[in-house]
Amino acid sequence: MTTPKGDPILLKVEGLRKHFPITKGLFRRTVGYVKAVDDVSFQVRRGETLGVVGESGCGKTTMGLSIVQLVQPTSGRIQLSDNGGWMEVNSKTIRHLRDKMQIVFQDPFSSLDPRMRIRDIVAEPLQAHGMKNRRQRYERVETLLEAVGLGSHHMNRFPHEFSGGQRQRIGIARALSLNPSLVVCDEPVSALDVSVQAQVLNLLDDLQKEFGLTYLFVAHDLSVVQHISDRVAVMYLGRIVEMGEVDPLFLYPKHPYTEALLSAIPDPDPDVVGEQIILQGDVPSPADPPPGCHFHPRCRYATERCRQEAPELADLDGTEHFVACHHAQDLDLTGVSTRATA
């Protein structure tokens, strides 16, 4: 398990798996499983932002949904720190932990009920968790809307009267209504215009400082992840293949898959010429992953050992830069700042 240094640990995830059954025939007989998340373990410090990146279908969103129990995990253990002790997060306890774990969804249009006014959307968690006084609820809603850059004059409007960026601000306000300690952000800016993305990212950063929030930030845009994250976890085919502090990981990647992802980041300087690594073939099916290292069919450094033996996620040099690669110590991989200049 990856154990970060510094602030106290808020979240522990051990051996998390989510396998979706594949059924066939009239009696829906199970013939296999889609291994969306396959043996993921990590820890998150209180007050930090852990970015999770990877190609579409790598399991990062399913992992986030499993942590907040919107998807029931197949196996594994999830623990949340509470007043010096540890609380198990599962289907039986999640009702009592909703005020400590919340989520901001990717789509700001479908995540808000079009029939409800904004005041009721944001106040609904408060009512569900025992705040019966309507005036108190609406006072809390007004405070939350002001915190996310909206105002009390927006309370009586419906979702269709807002832009995408404003809707995402409403979703953030709803997630913060119960004063959670952990917020899972499931690609919260991917559906927004670039200029609005910057505003929402800066808002999340300000809210983190104001309320002492901890983020699990799921995204596929590496530039966004580099901007907002303290640490980064790179996922491939349901597993974490590399994890570390954001700057060392971007400067000195240790896994070939991370190197390929970083090579795709466009450089704003037109004089900078870098090699873009084009991965061969398609992502293997999570229903039938390859033996050994899951990445070996697309890796230009793969050896026979990679095809037969699955690497363990390990800290090779004691700097908490974890990597799952047999040849991590021997490879000299290219990061974002070491590209050749024409």
C-alpha atoms as a PDB file:
ATOM      1  CA  MET A   1       0.000   0.000   0.000  1.00  0.00           C
ATOM      2  CA  THR A   2       1.197   3.508  -0.754  1.00  0.00           C
ATOM      3  CA  THR A   3       1.609   5.484   2.462  1.00  0.00           C
ATOM      4  CA  PRO A   4       2.111   9.249   2.080  1.00  0.00           C
ATOM      5  CA  LYS A   5       4.088  11.295   4.581  1.00  0.00           C
ATOM      6  CA  GLY A   6       3.072  14.582   6.156  1.00  0.00           C
ATOM      7  CA  ASP A   7      -0.456  15.306   7.342  1.00  0.00           C
ATOM      8  CA  PRO A   8      -2.602  12.628   9.004  1.00  0.00           C
ATOM      9  CA  ILE A   9      -4.189  10.015   6.778  1.00  0.00           C
ATOM     10  CA  LEU A  10      -7.871  10.630   5.998  1.00  0.00           C
ATOM     11  CA  LEU A  11      -8.700   7.785   3.585  1.00  0.00           C
ATOM     12  CA  LYS A  12      -7.375   4.223   3.340  1.00  0.00           C
ATOM     13  CA  VAL A  13      -8.209   1.985   0.385  1.00  0.00           C
ATOM     14  CA  GLU A  14      -6.965  -1.617   0.470  1.00  0.00           C
ATOM     15  CA  GLY A  15      -7.401  -4.224  -2.263  1.00  0.00           C
ATOM     16  CA  LEU A  16     -10.380  -2.479  -3.863  1.00  0.00           C
ATOM     17  CA  ARG A  17     -12.012  -4.468  -6.664  1.00  0.00           C
ATOM     18  CA  LYS A  18     -15.102  -3.888  -8.756  1.00  0.00           C
ATOM     19  CA  HIS A  19     -15.944  -6.684 -11.192  1.00  0.00           C
ATOM     20  CA  PHE A  20     -19.095  -6.409 -13.289  1.00  0.00           C
ATOM     21  CA  PRO A  21     -20.612  -9.799 -14.230  1.00  0.00           C
ATOM     22  CA  ILE A  22     -21.070 -10.722 -17.900  1.00  0.00           C
ATOM     23  CA  THR A  23     -24.266 -12.718 -18.341  1.00  0.00           C
ATOM     24  CA  LYS A  24     -25.473 -14.764 -21.272  1.00  0.00           C
ATOM     25  CA  GLY A  25     -28.493 -16.793 -22.299  1.00  0.00           C
ATOM     26  CA  LEU A  26     -32.104 -17.012 -21.201  1.00  0.00           C
ATOM     27  CA  PHE A  27     -31.190 -17.645 -17.567  1.00  0.00           C
ATOM     28  CA  ARG A  28     -28.566 -14.888 -17.496  1.00  0.00           C
ATOM     29  CA  ARG A  29     -25.755 -17.240 -16.592  1.00  0.00           C
ATOM     30  CA  THR A  30     -22.544 -15.502 -15.564  1.00  0.00           C
ATOM     31  CA  VAL A  31     -19.828 -16.295 -18.106  1.00  0.00           C
ATOM     32  CA  GLY A  32     -17.178 -13.806 -17.036  1.00  0.00           C
ATOM     33  CA  TYR A  33     -16.399 -10.514 -15.356  1.00  0.00           C
ATOM     34  CA  VAL A  34     -15.345  -7.046 -16.464  1.00  0.00           C
ATOM     35  CA  LYS A  35     -12.544  -6.141 -14.055  1.00  0.00           C
ATOM     36  CA  ALA A  36     -13.117  -2.383 -13.962  1.00  0.00           C
ATOM     37  CA  VAL A  37     -11.091  -1.931 -10.765  1.00  0.00           C
ATOM     38  CA  ASP A  38      -8.657  -4.702  -9.907  1.00  0.00           C
ATOM     39  CA  ASP A  39      -6.774  -4.680  -6.587  1.00  0.00           C
ATOM     40  CA  VAL A  40      -6.221  -0.958  -5.967  1.00  0.00           C
ATOM     41  CA  SER A  41      -4.634   0.234  -2.700  1.00  0.00           C
ATOM     42  CA  PHE A  42      -3.626   3.738  -1.653  1.00  0.00           C
ATOM     43  CA  GLN A  43      -3.976   6.341   1.089  1.00  0.00           C
ATOM     44  CA  VAL A  44      -4.892  10.022   0.984  1.00  0.00           C
ATOM     45  CA  ARG A  45      -3.653  12.663   3.412  1.00  0.00           C
ATOM     46  CA  ARG A  46      -6.025  15.110   5.019  1.00  0.00           C
ATOM     47  CA  GLY A  47      -6.091  18.378   3.073  1.00  0.00           C
ATOM     48  CA  GLU A  48      -4.347  17.132  -0.075  1.00  0.00           C
ATOM     49  CA  THR A  49      -5.549  16.619  -3.634  1.00  0.00           C
ATOM     50  CA  LEU A  50      -4.858  13.218  -5.176  1.00  0.00           C
ATOM     51  CA  GLY A  51      -5.285  13.339  -8.948  1.00  0.00           C
ATOM     52  CA  VAL A  52      -6.269  10.136 -10.748  1.00  0.00           C
ATOM     53  CA  VAL A  53      -5.527   9.962 -14.483  1.00  0.00           C
ATOM     54  CA  GLY A  54      -5.660   7.437 -17.285  1.00  0.00           C
ATOM     55  CA  GLU A  55      -7.329   6.625 -20.585  1.00  0.00           C
ATOM     56  CA  SER A  56     -11.084   6.324 -20.852  1.00  0.00           C
ATOM     57  CA  GLY A  57     -12.136   2.939 -19.494  1.00  0.00           C
ATOM     58  CA  CYS A  58      -9.176   2.548 -17.126  1.00  0.00           C
ATOM     59  CA  GLY A  59     -11.479   2.387 -14.084  1.00  0.00           C
ATOM     60  CA  LYS A  60     -10.792   5.748 -12.458  1.00  0.00           C
ATOM     61  CA  THR A  61     -14.452   6.847 -12.313  1.00  0.00           C
ATOM     62  CA  THR A  62     -15.594   3.417 -11.111  1.00  0.00           C
ATOM     63  CA  MET A  63     -12.995   3.617  -8.364  1.00  0.00           C
ATOM     64  CA  GLY A  64     -14.294   6.998  -7.228  1.00  0.00           C
ATOM     65  CA  LEU A  65     -17.910   5.827  -7.276  1.00  0.00           C
ATOM     66  CA  SER A  66     -16.953   2.706  -5.333  1.00  0.00           C
ATOM     67  CA  ILE A  67     -15.259   4.740  -2.612  1.00  0.00           C
ATOM     68  CA  VAL A  68     -18.443   6.760  -1.963  1.00  0.00           C
ATOM     69  CA  GLN A  69     -20.559   3.582  -2.348  1.00  0.00           C
ATOM     70  CA  LEU A  70     -22.538   4.764  -5.375  1.00  0.00           C
ATOM     71  CA  VAL A  71     -21.213   1.567  -6.939  1.00  0.00           C
ATOM     72  CA  GLN A  72     -21.004  -1.438  -4.618  1.00  0.00           C
ATOM     73  CA  PRO A  73     -17.416  -2.785  -4.577  1.00  0.00           C
ATOM     74  CA  THR A  74     -16.854  -6.472  -5.216  1.00  0.00           C
ATOM     75  CA  SER A  75     -14.216  -6.682  -2.496  1.00  0.00           C
ATOM     76  CA  GLY A  76     -11.690  -4.597  -0.633  1.00  0.00           C
ATOM     77  CA  ARG A  77     -11.603  -2.368   2.399  1.00  0.00           C
ATOM     78  CA  ILE A  78     -12.276   1.378   2.593  1.00  0.00           C
ATOM     79  CA  GLN A  79     -11.681   3.307   5.825  1.00  0.00           C
ATOM     80  CA  LEU A  80     -12.247   6.958   6.696  1.00  0.00           C
ATOM     81  CA  SER A  81     -10.637   8.720   9.642  1.00  0.00           C
ATOM     82  CA  ASP A  82     -13.105  10.103  12.183  1.00  0.00           C
ATOM     83  CA  ASN A  83     -12.114  11.804  15.447  1.00  0.00           C
ATOM     84  CA  GLY A  84      -8.930   9.820  15.778  1.00  0.00           C
ATOM     85  CA  GLY A  85     -10.521   6.469  14.923  1.00  0.00           C
ATOM     86  CA  TRP A  86     -11.303   4.621  11.722  1.00  0.00           C
ATOM     87  CA  MET A  87     -14.746   3.985  10.300  1.00  0.00           C
ATOM     88  CA  GLU A  88     -15.426   1.257   7.777  1.00  0.00           C
ATOM     89  CA  VAL A  89     -17.039   2.555   4.580  1.00  0.00           C
ATOM     90  CA  ASN A  90     -19.527   0.051   3.203  1.00  0.00           C
ATOM     91  CA  SER A  91     -23.185  -0.287   2.283  1.00  0.00           C
ATOM     92  CA  LYS A  92     -24.195  -0.556   5.951  1.00  0.00           C
ATOM     93  CA  THR A  93     -22.329   2.523   7.207  1.00  0.00           C
ATOM     94  CA  ILE A  94     -22.452   4.896   4.247  1.00  0.00           C
ATOM     95  CA  ARG A  95     -25.747   6.459   5.362  1.00  0.00           C
ATOM     96  CA  HIS A  96     -23.984   7.772   8.472  1.00  0.00           C
ATOM     97  CA  LEU A  97     -20.909   8.835   6.492  1.00  0.00           C
ATOM     98  CA  ARG A  98     -22.606  10.864   3.764  1.00  0.00           C
ATOM     99  CA  ASP A  99     -21.862  14.049   5.696  1.00  0.00           C
ATOM    100  CA  LYS A 100     -18.162  13.156   5.520  1.00  0.00           C
ATOM    101  CA  MET A 101     -17.921  11.908   1.905  1.00  0.00           C
ATOM    102  CA  GLN A 102     -19.486  13.683  -1.056  1.00  0.00           C
ATOM    103  CA  ILE A 103     -19.076  13.740  -4.843  1.00  0.00           C
ATOM    104  CA  VAL A 104     -19.125  16.313  -7.635  1.00  0.00           C
ATOM    105  CA  PHE A 105     -20.343  14.685 -10.845  1.00  0.00           C
ATOM    106  CA  GLN A 106     -18.927  15.119 -14.327  1.00  0.00           C
ATOM    107  CA  ASP A 107     -22.077  16.265 -16.116  1.00  0.00           C
ATOM    108  CA  PRO A 108     -23.519  19.482 -14.640  1.00  0.00           C
ATOM    109  CA  PHE A 109     -26.657  19.096 -16.769  1.00  0.00           C
ATOM    110  CA  SER A 110     -27.861  15.611 -15.801  1.00  0.00           C
ATOM    111  CA  SER A 111     -26.722  15.753 -12.159  1.00  0.00           C
ATOM    112  CA  LEU A 112     -29.322  18.398 -11.189  1.00  0.00           C
ATOM    113  CA  ASP A 113     -33.046  17.614 -11.017  1.00  0.00           C
ATOM    114  CA  PRO A 114     -34.684  19.911 -13.635  1.00  0.00           C
ATOM    115  CA  ARG A 115     -37.954  19.993 -11.649  1.00  0.00           C
ATOM    116  CA  MET A 116     -36.404  21.370  -8.452  1.00  0.00           C
ATOM    117  CA  ARG A 117     -35.407  24.915  -7.607  1.00  0.00           C
ATOM    118  CA  ILE A 118     -31.791  25.542  -6.743  1.00  0.00           C
ATOM    119  CA  ARG A 119     -32.596  26.253  -3.100  1.00  0.00           C
ATOM    120  CA  ASP A 120     -34.173  22.810  -2.755  1.00  0.00           C
ATOM    121  CA  ILE A 121     -31.395  21.020  -4.663  1.00  0.00           C
ATOM    122  CA  VAL A 122     -28.726  22.382  -2.341  1.00  0.00           C
ATOM    123  CA  ALA A 123     -30.911  22.032   0.776  1.00  0.00           C
ATOM    124  CA  GLU A 124     -31.946  18.421   0.103  1.00  0.00           C
ATOM    125  CA  PRO A 125     -28.894  16.852   1.830  1.00  0.00           C
ATOM    126  CA  LEU A 126     -29.472  19.093   4.853  1.00  0.00           C
ATOM    127  CA  GLN A 127     -33.070  17.962   5.163  1.00  0.00           C
ATOM    128  CA  ALA A 128     -32.112  14.308   4.687  1.00  0.00           C
ATOM    129  CA  HIS A 129     -29.610  14.574   7.535  1.00  0.00           C
ATOM    130  CA  GLY A 130     -31.925  16.094  10.085  1.00  0.00           C
ATOM    131  CA  MET A 131     -32.079  19.850   9.573  1.00  0.00           C
ATOM    132  CA  LYS A 132     -35.844  20.273   9.785  1.00  0.00           C
ATOM    133  CA  ASN A 133     -36.001  24.051  10.084  1.00  0.00           C
ATOM    134  CA  ARG A 134     -36.604  25.451   6.606  1.00  0.00           C
ATOM    135  CA  ARG A 135     -35.261  28.895   7.441  1.00  0.00           C
ATOM    136  CA  GLN A 136     -31.999  27.425   8.689  1.00  0.00           C
ATOM    137  CA  ARG A 137     -31.693  25.305   5.567  1.00  0.00           C
ATOM    138  CA  TYR A 138     -32.184  28.248   3.239  1.00  0.00           C
ATOM    139  CA  GLU A 139     -29.771  30.404   5.226  1.00  0.00           C
ATOM    140  CA  ARG A 140     -27.198  27.656   4.799  1.00  0.00           C
ATOM    141  CA  VAL A 141     -27.996  27.455   1.067  1.00  0.00           C
ATOM    142  CA  GLU A 142     -27.508  31.203   0.693  1.00  0.00           C
ATOM    143  CA  THR A 143     -24.107  30.970   2.385  1.00  0.00           C
ATOM    144  CA  LEU A 144     -23.052  28.079   0.154  1.00  0.00           C
ATOM    145  CA  LEU A 145     -24.140  29.803  -3.056  1.00  0.00           C
ATOM    146  CA  GLU A 146     -22.147  32.893  -2.111  1.00  0.00           C
ATOM    147  CA  ALA A 147     -19.130  30.664  -1.384  1.00  0.00           C
ATOM    148  CA  VAL A 148     -19.229  29.233  -4.926  1.00  0.00           C
ATOM    149  CA  GLY A 149     -19.671  32.609  -6.632  1.00  0.00           C
ATOM    150  CA  LEU A 150     -23.460  32.761  -6.930  1.00  0.00           C
ATOM    151  CA  GLY A 151     -25.995  34.732  -4.875  1.00  0.00           C
ATOM    152  CA  SER A 152     -29.281  34.587  -3.037  1.00  0.00           C
ATOM    153  CA  HIS A 153     -31.102  35.855  -6.128  1.00  0.00           C
ATOM    154  CA  HIS A 154     -30.315  32.517  -7.796  1.00  0.00           C
ATOM    155  CA  MET A 155     -32.094  30.422  -5.158  1.00  0.00           C
ATOM    156  CA  ASN A 156     -35.552  30.392  -6.758  1.00  0.00           C
ATOM    157  CA  ARG A 157     -34.387  29.563 -10.267  1.00  0.00           C
ATOM    158  CA  PHE A 158     -34.405  26.190 -12.012  1.00  0.00           C
ATOM    159  CA  PRO A 159     -31.308  24.435 -13.443  1.00  0.00           C
ATOM    160  CA  HIS A 160     -32.183  25.219 -17.078  1.00  0.00           C
ATOM    161  CA  GLU A 161     -31.723  28.925 -16.326  1.00  0.00           C
ATOM    162  CA  PHE A 162     -27.993  28.496 -15.706  1.00  0.00           C
ATOM    163  CA  SER A 163     -24.929  27.947 -17.863  1.00  0.00           C
ATOM    164  CA  GLY A 164     -22.799  24.823 -17.571  1.00  0.00           C
ATOM    165  CA  GLY A 165     -20.249  26.534 -15.344  1.00  0.00           C
ATOM    166  CA  GLN A 166     -22.950  27.880 -13.044  1.00  0.00           C
ATOM    167  CA  ARG A 167     -24.556  24.454 -12.811  1.00  0.00           C
ATOM    168  CA  GLN A 168     -21.266  22.934 -11.783  1.00  0.00           C
ATOM    169  CA  ARG A 169     -20.950  25.590  -9.084  1.00  0.00           C
ATOM    170  CA  ILE A 170     -24.384  24.530  -7.834  1.00  0.00           C
ATOM    171  CA  GLY A 171     -23.237  20.912  -7.801  1.00  0.00           C
ATOM    172  CA  ILE A 172     -20.196  21.929  -5.759  1.00  0.00           C
ATOM    173  CA  ALA A 173     -22.405  23.850  -3.314  1.00  0.00           C
ATOM    174  CA  ARG A 174     -24.603  20.779  -2.891  1.00  0.00           C
ATOM    175  CA  ALA A 175     -21.540  18.603  -2.220  1.00  0.00           C
ATOM    176  CA  LEU A 176     -20.338  21.034   0.466  1.00  0.00           C
ATOM    177  CA  SER A 177     -23.701  21.428   2.193  1.00  0.00           C
ATOM    178  CA  LEU A 178     -22.895  18.831   4.889  1.00  0.00           C
ATOM    179  CA  ASN A 179     -19.322  20.016   5.533  1.00  0.00           C
ATOM    180  CA  PRO A 180     -17.621  16.860   4.192  1.00  0.00           C
ATOM    181  CA  SER A 181     -13.964  16.127   4.778  1.00  0.00           C
ATOM    182  CA  LEU A 182     -13.540  14.179   1.504  1.00  0.00           C
ATOM    183  CA  VAL A 183     -14.912  15.213  -1.893  1.00  0.00           C
ATOM    184  CA  VAL A 184     -14.597  12.964  -4.930  1.00  0.00           C
ATOM    185  CA  CYS A 185     -14.447  15.156  -8.042  1.00  0.00           C
ATOM    186  CA  ASP A 186     -15.376  13.009 -11.047  1.00  0.00           C
ATOM    187  CA  GLU A 187     -13.998  14.985 -14.001  1.00  0.00           C
ATOM    188  CA  PRO A 188     -15.740  18.160 -12.771  1.00  0.00           C
ATOM    189  CA  VAL A 189     -14.425  20.412 -15.547  1.00  0.00           C
ATOM    190  CA  SER A 190     -14.289  18.110 -18.597  1.00  0.00           C
ATOM    191  CA  ALA A 191     -17.750  19.202 -19.832  1.00  0.00           C
ATOM    192  CA  LEU A 192     -16.956  22.928 -19.525  1.00  0.00           C
ATOM    193  CA  ASP A 193     -15.337  25.474 -21.824  1.00  0.00           C
ATOM    194  CA  VAL A 194     -11.638  26.068 -21.254  1.00  0.00           C
ATOM    195  CA  SER A 195     -12.119  29.558 -19.783  1.00  0.00           C
ATOM    196  CA  VAL A 196     -14.782  28.244 -17.412  1.00  0.00           C
ATOM    197  CA  GLN A 197     -12.569  25.290 -16.477  1.00  0.00           C
ATOM    198  CA  ALA A 198      -9.977  27.690 -15.060  1.00  0.00           C
ATOM    199  CA  GLN A 199     -12.622  29.475 -12.992  1.00  0.00           C
ATOM    200  CA  VAL A 200     -13.970  26.236 -11.515  1.00  0.00           C
ATOM    201  CA  LEU A 201     -10.466  24.915 -10.771  1.00  0.00           C
ATOM    202  CA  ASN A 202      -9.568  28.133  -8.968  1.00  0.00           C
ATOM    203  CA  LEU A 203     -12.858  27.896  -7.066  1.00  0.00           C
ATOM    204  CA  LEU A 204     -12.070  24.338  -5.944  1.00  0.00           C
ATOM    205  CA  ASP A 205      -8.641  25.480  -4.809  1.00  0.00           C
ATOM    206  CA  ASP A 206     -10.113  28.378  -2.813  1.00  0.00           C
ATOM    207  CA  LEU A 207     -12.766  26.159  -1.223  1.00  0.00           C
ATOM    208  CA  GLN A 208     -10.132  23.617  -0.231  1.00  0.00           C
ATOM    209  CA  LYS A 209      -8.204  26.279   1.645  1.00  0.00           C
ATOM    210  CA  GLU A 210     -11.331  27.775   3.225  1.00  0.00           C
ATOM    211  CA  PHE A 211     -12.970  24.540   4.388  1.00  0.00           C
ATOM    212  CA  GLY A 212      -9.957  22.240   4.745  1.00  0.00           C
ATOM    213  CA  LEU A 213     -11.211  19.837   2.081  1.00  0.00           C
ATOM    214  CA  THR A 214      -9.518  16.722   0.760  1.00  0.00           C
ATOM    215  CA  TYR A 215     -10.022  15.957  -2.943  1.00  0.00           C
ATOM    216  CA  LEU A 216      -9.856  12.767  -4.949  1.00  0.00           C
ATOM    217  CA  PHE A 217      -9.711  14.447  -8.356  1.00  0.00           C
ATOM    218  CA  VAL A 218     -10.510  12.165 -11.301  1.00  0.00           C
ATOM    219  CA  ALA A 219      -9.564  13.546 -14.732  1.00  0.00           C
ATOM    220  CA  HIS A 220      -8.065  12.664 -18.085  1.00  0.00           C
ATOM    221  CA  ASP A 221      -6.553  16.103 -18.774  1.00  0.00           C
ATOM    222  CA  LEU A 222      -2.999  15.954 -17.460  1.00  0.00           C
ATOM    223  CA  SER A 223      -2.573  19.733 -17.551  1.00  0.00           C
ATOM    224  CA  VAL A 224      -5.559  20.132 -15.238  1.00  0.00           C
ATOM    225  CA  VAL A 225      -4.240  17.423 -12.919  1.00  0.00           C
ATOM    226  CA  GLN A 226      -0.789  19.016 -12.810  1.00  0.00           C
ATOM    227  CA  HIS A 227      -2.349  22.361 -11.870  1.00  0.00           C
ATOM    228  CA  ILE A 228      -4.549  21.201  -9.002  1.00  0.00           C
ATOM    229  CA  SER A 229      -2.965  18.030  -7.570  1.00  0.00           C
ATOM    230  CA  ASP A 230      -0.438  17.414  -4.816  1.00  0.00           C
ATOM    231  CA  ARG A 231       0.024  13.769  -5.818  1.00  0.00           C
ATOM    232  CA  VAL A 232      -0.980  11.826  -8.919  1.00  0.00           C
ATOM    233  CA  ALA A 233      -2.046   8.206  -9.416  1.00  0.00           C
ATOM    234  CA  VAL A 234      -1.870   6.830 -12.964  1.00  0.00           C
ATOM    235  CA  MET A 235      -4.312   4.018 -13.737  1.00  0.00           C
ATOM    236  CA  TYR A 236      -4.222   1.488 -16.543  1.00  0.00           C
ATOM    237  CA  LEU A 237      -6.763  -1.290 -17.032  1.00  0.00           C
ATOM    238  CA  GLY A 238      -8.095  -1.165 -13.493  1.00  0.00           C
ATOM    239  CA  ARG A 239      -4.761  -0.897 -11.685  1.00  0.00           C
ATOM    240  CA  ILE A 240      -2.527   1.887 -10.419  1.00  0.00           C
ATOM    241  CA  VAL A 241       0.758   1.687 -12.330  1.00  0.00           C
ATOM    242  CA  GLU A 242       2.470   4.769 -10.898  1.00  0.00           C
ATOM    243  CA  MET A 243       1.877   7.187  -8.030  1.00  0.00           C
ATOM    244  CA  GLY A 244       3.883  10.038  -6.626  1.00  0.00           C
ATOM    245  CA  GLU A 245       4.221  13.742  -5.954  1.00  0.00           C
ATOM    246  CA  VAL A 246       3.069  15.748  -8.948  1.00  0.00           C
ATOM    247  CA  ASP A 247       6.343  17.459  -9.885  1.00  0.00           C
ATOM    248  CA  PRO A 248       8.652  14.394  -9.694  1.00  0.00           C
ATOM    249  CA  LEU A 249       6.110  12.296 -11.566  1.00  0.00           C
ATOM    250  CA  PHE A 250       5.764  14.815 -14.394  1.00  0.00           C
ATOM    251  CA  LEU A 251       9.499  15.528 -14.547  1.00  0.00           C
ATOM    252  CA  TYR A 252      10.816  11.990 -14.091  1.00  0.00           C
ATOM    253  CA  PRO A 253       8.178   9.346 -14.903  1.00  0.00           C
ATOM    254  CA  LYS A 254       9.138   5.784 -14.098  1.00  0.00           C
ATOM    255  CA  HIS A 255       6.448   3.833 -15.954  1.00  0.00           C
ATOM    256  CA  PRO A 256       6.329   3.650 -19.778  1.00  0.00           C
ATOM    257  CA  TYR A 257       2.576   4.306 -19.764  1.00  0.00           C
ATOM    258  CA  THR A 258       3.067   7.540 -17.817  1.00  0.00           C
ATOM    259  CA  GLU A 259       5.769   8.565 -20.279  1.00  0.00           C
ATOM    260  CA  ALA A 260       3.360   8.025 -23.173  1.00  0.00           C
ATOM    261  CA  LEU A 261       0.631  10.079 -21.484  1.00  0.00           C
ATOM    262  CA  LEU A 262       3.015  12.944 -20.743  1.00  0.00           C
ATOM    263  CA  SER A 263       4.282  12.986 -24.328  1.00  0.00           C
ATOM    264  CA  ALA A 264       0.756  13.864 -25.477  1.00  0.00           C
ATOM    265  CA  ILE A 265       0.640  17.119 -23.505  1.00  0.00           C
ATOM    266  CA  PRO A 266       0.877  20.010 -26.012  1.00  0.00           C
ATOM    267  CA  ASP A 267       3.588  22.552 -25.271  1.00  0.00           C
ATOM    268  CA  PRO A 268       2.581  26.234 -25.616  1.00  0.00           C
ATOM    269  CA  ASP A 269       6.057  27.098 -26.928  1.00  0.00           C
ATOM    270  CA  PRO A 270       6.096  26.526 -30.729  1.00  0.00           C
ATOM    271  CA  ASP A 271       9.886  26.158 -30.669  1.00  0.00           C
ATOM    272  CA  VAL A 272       9.747  23.134 -28.409  1.00  0.00           C
ATOM    273  CA  VAL A 273       9.868  19.876 -30.335  1.00  0.00           C
ATOM    274  CA  GLY A 274       9.106  16.680 -28.474  1.00  0.00           C
ATOM    275  CA  GLU A 275       8.576  13.073 -29.406  1.00  0.00           C
ATOM    276  CA  GLN A 276       4.969  11.992 -29.076  1.00  0.00           C
ATOM    277  CA  ILE A 277       4.821   8.336 -28.162  1.00  0.00           C
ATOM    278  CA  ILE A 278       2.069   6.579 -30.096  1.00  0.00           C
ATOM    279  CA  LEU A 279       1.007   3.449 -28.268  1.00  0.00           C
ATOM    280  CA  GLN A 280       0.472   0.525 -30.608  1.00  0.00           C
ATOM    281  CA  GLY A 281      -2.771  -1.426 -30.602  1.00  0.00           C
ATOM    282  CA  ASP A 282      -5.867  -0.898 -28.505  1.00  0.00           C
ATOM    283  CA  VAL A 283      -6.455  -1.039 -24.783  1.00  0.00           C
ATOM    284  CA  PRO A 284      -7.035  -4.718 -23.906  1.00  0.00           C
ATOM    285  CA  SER A 285     -10.481  -5.731 -22.743  1.00  0.00           C
ATOM    286  CA  PRO A 286     -10.916  -5.526 -18.952  1.00  0.00           C
ATOM    287  CA  ALA A 287     -12.960  -8.723 -19.311  1.00  0.00           C
ATOM    288  CA  ASP A 288      -9.874 -10.559 -20.596  1.00  0.00           C
ATOM    289  CA  PRO A 289      -6.734  -8.698 -19.470  1.00  0.00           C
ATOM    290  CA  PRO A 290      -3.381  -9.978 -20.723  1.00  0.00           C
ATOM    291  CA  PRO A 291      -1.200 -12.079 -18.402  1.00  0.00           C
ATOM    292  CA  GLY A 292       1.741 -10.580 -16.606  1.00  0.00           C
ATOM    293  CA  CYS A 293       1.968  -6.804 -16.850  1.00  0.00           C
ATOM    294  CA  HIS A 294      -1.309  -5.550 -18.328  1.00  0.00           C
ATOM    295  CA  PHE A 295       0.598  -2.914 -20.314  1.00  0.00           C
ATOM    296  CA  HIS A 296       3.114  -5.236 -21.977  1.00  0.00           C
ATOM    297  CA  PRO A 297       1.253  -5.651 -25.340  1.00  0.00           C
ATOM    298  CA  ARG A 298       1.642  -1.881 -25.955  1.00  0.00           C
ATOM    299  CA  CYS A 299       4.975  -1.279 -24.220  1.00  0.00           C
ATOM    300  CA  ARG A 300       8.100  -0.724 -26.310  1.00  0.00           C
ATOM    301  CA  TYR A 301      10.301  -1.829 -23.409  1.00  0.00           C
ATOM    302  CA  ALA A 302       8.505  -5.118 -22.676  1.00  0.00           C
ATOM    303  CA  THR A 303      10.512  -8.291 -22.095  1.00  0.00           C
ATOM    304  CA  GLU A 304       9.581 -11.921 -21.564  1.00  0.00           C
ATOM    305  CA  ARG A 305       9.362 -11.325 -17.825  1.00  0.00           C
ATOM    306  CA  CYS A 306       6.744  -8.625 -18.428  1.00  0.00           C
ATOM    307  CA  ARG A 307       4.640 -11.093 -20.398  1.00  0.00           C
ATOM    308  CA  GLN A 308       4.649 -13.679 -17.635  1.00  0.00           C
ATOM    309  CA  GLU A 309       4.948 -11.918 -14.263  1.00  0.00           C
ATOM    310  CA  ALA A 310       2.723  -9.104 -12.963  1.00  0.00           C
ATOM    311  CA  PRO A 311       4.789  -6.341 -11.307  1.00  0.00           C
ATOM    312  CA  GLU A 312       3.976  -5.098  -7.811  1.00  0.00           C
ATOM    313  CA  LEU A 313       3.410  -1.421  -7.050  1.00  0.00           C
ATOM    314  CA  ALA A 314       6.518  -0.559  -5.030  1.00  0.00           C
ATOM    315  CA  ASP A 315       8.529   2.422  -3.797  1.00  0.00           C
ATOM    316  CA  LEU A 316      11.874   1.813  -5.450  1.00  0.00           C
ATOM    317  CA  ASP A 317      13.981   4.630  -4.036  1.00  0.00           C
ATOM    318  CA  GLY A 318      12.296   5.579  -0.750  1.00  0.00           C
ATOM    319  CA  THR A 319      10.842   8.844  -2.060  1.00  0.00           C
ATOM    320  CA  GLU A 320       7.228   7.619  -2.141  1.00  0.00           C
ATOM    321  CA  HIS A 321       7.323   7.478  -5.925  1.00  0.00           C
ATOM    322  CA  PHE A 322       5.549   4.173  -6.464  1.00  0.00           C
ATOM    323  CA  VAL A 323       5.696   2.267  -9.749  1.00  0.00           C
ATOM    324  CA  ALA A 324       4.572  -1.121 -11.039  1.00  0.00           C
ATOM    325  CA  CYS A 325       7.247  -1.963 -13.610  1.00  0.00           C
ATOM    326  CA  HIS A 326       9.945  -4.640 -13.643  1.00  0.00           C
ATOM    327  CA  HIS A 327      12.411  -2.325 -15.413  1.00  0.00           C
ATOM    328  CA  ALA A 328      11.673   0.983 -13.641  1.00  0.00           C
ATOM    329  CA  GLN A 329      15.216   1.252 -12.247  1.00  0.00           C
ATOM    330  CA  ASP A 330      16.821   0.658 -15.637  1.00  0.00           C
ATOM    331  CA  LEU A 331      14.701   2.902 -17.866  1.00  0.00           C
ATOM    332  CA  ASP A 332      15.520   6.563 -18.553  1.00  0.00           C
ATOM    333  CA  LEU A 333      12.107   7.938 -19.440  1.00  0.00           C
ATOM    334  CA  THR A 334      11.226  11.379 -20.776  1.00  0.00           C
ATOM    335  CA  GLY A 335       9.213  13.848 -18.689  1.00  0.00           C
ATOM    336  CA  VAL A 336       7.469  17.046 -19.672  1.00  0.00           C
ATOM    337  CA  SER A 337      10.416  19.333 -18.956  1.00  0.00           C
ATOM    338  CA  THR A 338      13.140  17.337 -20.722  1.00  0.00           C
ATOM    339  CA  ARG A 339      11.912  17.691 -24.283  1.00  0.00           C
ATOM    340  CA  ALA A 340      14.431  18.731 -26.879  1.00  0.00           C
ATOM    341  CA  THR A 341      14.414  22.336 -28.023  1.00  0.00           C
ATOM    342  CA  ALA A 342      14.765  23.025 -31.727  1.00  0.00           C
END
